[in-house]
Amino acid sequence: MAGSVGPLGISADEAETRGIDRAAVFHEQVAGLLDGGADAIFFETFLDYDELELALGAKMKLSKAPTICSLACESEGRLSSGLTLVGGF
């Protein structure tokens, strides 16, 4: 059974302003899924590579369970941050 975690939907700046520790939030979510019996973790439709990296780091501190990561990007292969995921089309 796989557990699914999505992006938080707030920017790093907004999280800081609101006093939200994004890594701690992901840690809590992943811990709950693993405690509930998840054998794998699926990080899906992340728009921000840095946020995905935080989520994956939190998971790796808890478990070496298989992990699947997906990013959602514009049709030209760019994340909202401007990071290019693939070569030009």
Protein backbone atom coordinates (compact mmCIF):
# COMPACT_ATOMS: atom_id res chain seq x y z
CA MET A 1 0.00 0.00 0.00
CA ALA A 2 1.32 3.44 -0.90
CA GLY A 3 0.63 6.70 0.89
CA SER A 4 0.29 9.94 -1.04
CA VAL A 5 1.58 13.39 -0.09
CA GLY A 6 0.99 16.54 -2.13
CA PRO A 7 2.46 20.02 -2.01
CA LEU A 8 1.49 22.36 0.82
CA GLY A 9 0.20 25.06 -1.51
CA ILE A 10 2.12 27.90 0.13
CA SER A 11 5.41 29.50 -0.79
CA ALA A 12 8.52 29.34 1.37
CA ASP A 13 8.10 33.04 2.14
CA GLU A 14 4.47 32.60 3.17
CA ALA A 15 5.36 29.60 5.34
CA GLU A 16 8.06 31.64 7.08
CA THR A 17 5.72 34.59 7.62
CA ARG A 18 3.11 32.27 9.12
CA GLY A 19 5.66 30.38 11.25
CA ILE A 20 5.14 27.09 9.43
CA ASP A 21 8.04 24.63 9.37
CA ARG A 22 7.40 22.92 6.04
CA ALA A 23 9.87 20.10 6.73
CA ALA A 24 8.12 19.35 10.04
CA VAL A 25 4.74 19.26 8.29
CA PHE A 26 6.02 16.74 5.75
CA HIS A 27 7.66 14.72 8.52
CA GLU A 28 4.32 14.50 10.35
CA GLN A 29 2.42 13.53 7.19
CA VAL A 30 4.88 10.82 6.18
CA ALA A 31 5.12 9.47 9.74
CA GLY A 32 1.33 9.13 9.83
CA LEU A 33 1.26 7.27 6.53
CA LEU A 34 4.04 4.91 7.58
CA ASP A 35 2.38 4.32 10.97
CA GLY A 36 -0.83 3.56 9.08
CA GLY A 37 0.89 0.79 7.13
CA ALA A 38 2.12 2.47 3.95
CA ASP A 39 4.90 0.45 2.31
CA ALA A 40 5.79 3.22 -0.16
CA ILE A 41 5.38 6.98 -0.35
CA PHE A 42 4.19 8.87 -3.43
CA PHE A 43 4.98 12.60 -3.56
CA GLU A 44 2.68 13.88 -6.28
CA THR A 45 2.17 16.96 -8.40
CA PHE A 46 4.76 19.15 -6.69
CA LEU A 47 5.22 22.50 -8.42
CA ASP A 48 8.37 23.52 -6.54
CA TYR A 49 11.55 21.43 -6.62
CA ASP A 50 12.76 22.85 -3.29
CA GLU A 51 9.52 21.83 -1.59
CA LEU A 52 9.78 18.33 -3.03
CA GLU A 53 13.34 18.15 -1.74
CA LEU A 54 12.10 19.11 1.77
CA ALA A 55 9.40 16.44 1.63
CA LEU A 56 11.80 13.77 0.40
CA GLY A 57 14.36 14.72 3.07
CA ALA A 58 11.72 14.36 5.79
CA LYS A 59 10.75 10.94 4.43
CA MET A 60 14.36 9.75 4.25
CA LYS A 61 14.84 10.58 7.95
CA LEU A 62 11.94 8.24 8.73
CA SER A 63 12.24 5.36 6.30
CA LYS A 64 13.97 3.89 3.29
CA ALA A 65 10.62 2.78 1.89
CA PRO A 66 10.30 3.05 -1.89
CA THR A 67 9.42 6.55 -3.04
CA ILE A 68 7.86 7.90 -6.22
CA CYS A 69 8.09 11.63 -6.93
CA SER A 70 6.19 13.60 -9.56
CA LEU A 71 6.40 17.23 -10.53
CA ALA A 72 3.74 19.22 -12.35
CA CYS A 73 5.15 21.60 -14.93
CA GLU A 74 4.12 23.90 -17.74
CA SER A 75 3.84 22.37 -21.20
CA GLU A 76 7.33 23.63 -22.11
CA GLY A 77 8.79 21.67 -19.18
CA ARG A 78 9.31 24.46 -16.64
CA LEU A 79 8.29 24.58 -13.01
CA SER A 80 6.66 27.75 -11.70
CA SER A 81 10.08 28.73 -10.30
CA GLY A 82 11.47 28.74 -13.84
CA LEU A 83 13.52 25.56 -13.37
CA THR A 84 13.60 23.59 -16.62
CA LEU A 85 12.91 19.87 -16.25
CA VAL A 86 13.45 18.82 -19.85
CA GLY A 87 15.11 20.09 -22.99
CA GLY A 88 13.25 22.26 -25.44
CA PHE A 89 10.37 20.90 -27.50
